[in-house]
């Protein structure tokens, strides 16, 4: 079952976060991740307002978690840690209804 990687981010250091994004993009693709949205328009209805919202689809929850725990992603994440406030969750998608 596919899974969604959902990140809600407030960037506090554009330069450092840019380094994170450049490295993370490659690692996410290497793990089968495909971006569905990266920023863009949004409407905040509940909870914390984080102006950068990212959703990527992975082949499975396990693939998404393996990506997060990989050495390459952890290297990328080292640039984001002091350059942003982030929430990140991975969720399995619901199977499409049978026809």
C-alpha atoms as a PDB file:
ATOM      1  CA  UNK A   1       0.000   0.000   0.000  1.00  0.00           C
ATOM      2  CA  UNK A   2       1.344   3.436  -0.900  1.00  0.00           C
ATOM      3  CA  UNK A   3       2.124   6.000   1.774  1.00  0.00           C
ATOM      4  CA  UNK A   4       2.198   9.772   2.028  1.00  0.00           C
ATOM      5  CA  UNK A   5       5.035  11.728   3.629  1.00  0.00           C
ATOM      6  CA  UNK A   6       3.471  14.961   4.886  1.00  0.00           C
ATOM      7  CA  UNK A   7       5.673  17.790   6.137  1.00  0.00           C
ATOM      8  CA  UNK A   8       4.474  21.113   7.493  1.00  0.00           C
ATOM      9  CA  UNK A   9       7.344  23.578   7.754  1.00  0.00           C
ATOM     10  CA  UNK A  10       8.212  27.097   8.824  1.00  0.00           C
ATOM     11  CA  UNK A  11      11.572  28.003   7.297  1.00  0.00           C
ATOM     12  CA  UNK A  12      13.758  30.218   9.491  1.00  0.00           C
ATOM     13  CA  UNK A  13      16.948  30.162   7.380  1.00  0.00           C
ATOM     14  CA  UNK A  14      16.336  30.106   3.626  1.00  0.00           C
ATOM     15  CA  UNK A  15      19.944  29.386   2.649  1.00  0.00           C
ATOM     16  CA  UNK A  16      20.394  26.383   4.952  1.00  0.00           C
ATOM     17  CA  UNK A  17      16.933  25.057   4.150  1.00  0.00           C
ATOM     18  CA  UNK A  18      17.751  25.322   0.460  1.00  0.00           C
ATOM     19  CA  UNK A  19      20.729  23.000   1.030  1.00  0.00           C
ATOM     20  CA  UNK A  20      18.392  20.559   2.794  1.00  0.00           C
ATOM     21  CA  UNK A  21      15.842  20.675  -0.053  1.00  0.00           C
ATOM     22  CA  UNK A  22      18.467  20.080  -2.735  1.00  0.00           C
ATOM     23  CA  UNK A  23      19.890  17.002  -0.974  1.00  0.00           C
ATOM     24  CA  UNK A  24      16.520  15.670   0.217  1.00  0.00           C
ATOM     25  CA  UNK A  25      15.007  15.825  -3.277  1.00  0.00           C
ATOM     26  CA  UNK A  26      17.588  13.346  -4.573  1.00  0.00           C
ATOM     27  CA  UNK A  27      17.281  10.961  -1.607  1.00  0.00           C
ATOM     28  CA  UNK A  28      13.484  10.966  -1.704  1.00  0.00           C
ATOM     29  CA  UNK A  29      13.534  10.091  -5.423  1.00  0.00           C
ATOM     30  CA  UNK A  30      16.067   7.310  -4.766  1.00  0.00           C
ATOM     31  CA  UNK A  31      13.545   5.744  -2.369  1.00  0.00           C
ATOM     32  CA  UNK A  32      10.692   5.926  -4.874  1.00  0.00           C
ATOM     33  CA  UNK A  33       9.198   9.145  -3.537  1.00  0.00           C
ATOM     34  CA  UNK A  34       7.254  11.405  -5.903  1.00  0.00           C
ATOM     35  CA  UNK A  35       6.290  14.926  -4.854  1.00  0.00           C
ATOM     36  CA  UNK A  36       2.594  15.746  -5.034  1.00  0.00           C
ATOM     37  CA  UNK A  37       3.051  19.274  -3.685  1.00  0.00           C
ATOM     38  CA  UNK A  38       5.973  21.384  -2.508  1.00  0.00           C
ATOM     39  CA  UNK A  39       4.746  24.641  -1.098  1.00  0.00           C
ATOM     40  CA  UNK A  40       2.145  26.452  -3.135  1.00  0.00           C
ATOM     41  CA  UNK A  41      -1.229  27.855  -2.189  1.00  0.00           C
ATOM     42  CA  UNK A  42      -2.998  26.421   0.846  1.00  0.00           C
ATOM     43  CA  UNK A  43      -5.778  27.192   3.311  1.00  0.00           C
ATOM     44  CA  UNK A  44      -5.040  26.663   7.011  1.00  0.00           C
ATOM     45  CA  UNK A  45      -8.238  25.502   8.713  1.00  0.00           C
ATOM     46  CA  UNK A  46      -6.995  24.058  12.023  1.00  0.00           C
ATOM     47  CA  UNK A  47      -3.805  23.721  14.031  1.00  0.00           C
ATOM     48  CA  UNK A  48      -0.469  25.442  13.562  1.00  0.00           C
ATOM     49  CA  UNK A  49       0.010  27.484  10.444  1.00  0.00           C
ATOM     50  CA  UNK A  50       3.206  26.393   8.710  1.00  0.00           C
ATOM     51  CA  UNK A  51       3.572  28.173   5.371  1.00  0.00           C
ATOM     52  CA  UNK A  52       5.474  25.374   3.583  1.00  0.00           C
ATOM     53  CA  UNK A  53       3.542  22.151   3.084  1.00  0.00           C
ATOM     54  CA  UNK A  54       5.084  19.183   1.292  1.00  0.00           C
ATOM     55  CA  UNK A  55       3.456  15.888   0.333  1.00  0.00           C
ATOM     56  CA  UNK A  56       5.320  13.026  -1.330  1.00  0.00           C
ATOM     57  CA  UNK A  57       3.956   9.601  -2.260  1.00  0.00           C
ATOM     58  CA  UNK A  58       6.115   6.517  -1.633  1.00  0.00           C
ATOM     59  CA  UNK A  59       5.552   2.929  -2.764  1.00  0.00           C
ATOM     60  CA  UNK A  60       5.001   1.903   0.886  1.00  0.00           C
ATOM     61  CA  UNK A  61       5.189   3.122   4.455  1.00  0.00           C
ATOM     62  CA  UNK A  62       8.352   1.063   4.824  1.00  0.00           C
ATOM     63  CA  UNK A  63       9.988   2.787   1.833  1.00  0.00           C
ATOM     64  CA  UNK A  64       9.158   6.219   3.239  1.00  0.00           C
ATOM     65  CA  UNK A  65      10.517   5.327   6.666  1.00  0.00           C
ATOM     66  CA  UNK A  66      13.658   3.794   5.133  1.00  0.00           C
ATOM     67  CA  UNK A  67      14.166   7.059   3.257  1.00  0.00           C
ATOM     68  CA  UNK A  68      13.875   9.085   6.467  1.00  0.00           C
ATOM     69  CA  UNK A  69      16.307   6.828   8.321  1.00  0.00           C
ATOM     70  CA  UNK A  70      18.829   6.635   5.445  1.00  0.00           C
ATOM     71  CA  UNK A  71      22.272   8.202   5.797  1.00  0.00           C
ATOM     72  CA  UNK A  72      21.581  10.447   2.802  1.00  0.00           C
ATOM     73  CA  UNK A  73      18.380  11.878   4.260  1.00  0.00           C
ATOM     74  CA  UNK A  74      19.928  12.313   7.688  1.00  0.00           C
ATOM     75  CA  UNK A  75      22.721  14.314   6.029  1.00  0.00           C
ATOM     76  CA  UNK A  76      20.117  16.484   4.302  1.00  0.00           C
ATOM     77  CA  UNK A  77      18.164  16.846   7.535  1.00  0.00           C
ATOM     78  CA  UNK A  78      21.243  18.197   9.311  1.00  0.00           C
ATOM     79  CA  UNK A  79      20.779  21.382   7.230  1.00  0.00           C
ATOM     80  CA  UNK A  80      17.075  21.700   8.119  1.00  0.00           C
ATOM     81  CA  UNK A  81      17.308  21.126  11.863  1.00  0.00           C
ATOM     82  CA  UNK A  82      18.421  24.663  12.755  1.00  0.00           C
ATOM     83  CA  UNK A  83      16.820  26.242   9.707  1.00  0.00           C
ATOM     84  CA  UNK A  84      13.178  25.323  10.250  1.00  0.00           C
ATOM     85  CA  UNK A  85      10.380  24.261  12.541  1.00  0.00           C
ATOM     86  CA  UNK A  86       8.871  21.067  11.137  1.00  0.00           C
ATOM     87  CA  UNK A  87       6.221  18.476  11.674  1.00  0.00           C
ATOM     88  CA  UNK A  88       6.544  15.279   9.631  1.00  0.00           C
ATOM     89  CA  UNK A  89       4.256  12.267   9.478  1.00  0.00           C
ATOM     90  CA  UNK A  90       4.073   9.245   7.201  1.00  0.00           C
ATOM     91  CA  UNK A  91       0.626   7.697   6.652  1.00  0.00           C
ATOM     92  CA  UNK A  92      -0.572   4.771   4.566  1.00  0.00           C
ATOM     93  CA  UNK A  93      -3.035   5.694   1.875  1.00  0.00           C
ATOM     94  CA  UNK A  94      -6.488   4.190   1.817  1.00  0.00           C
ATOM     95  CA  UNK A  95      -6.934   1.509  -0.814  1.00  0.00           C
ATOM     96  CA  UNK A  96      -9.120   2.710  -3.684  1.00  0.00           C
ATOM     97  CA  UNK A  97     -12.654   1.347  -3.563  1.00  0.00           C
ATOM     98  CA  UNK A  98     -13.327  -1.813  -5.531  1.00  0.00           C
ATOM     99  CA  UNK A  99     -15.138  -1.213  -8.817  1.00  0.00           C
END
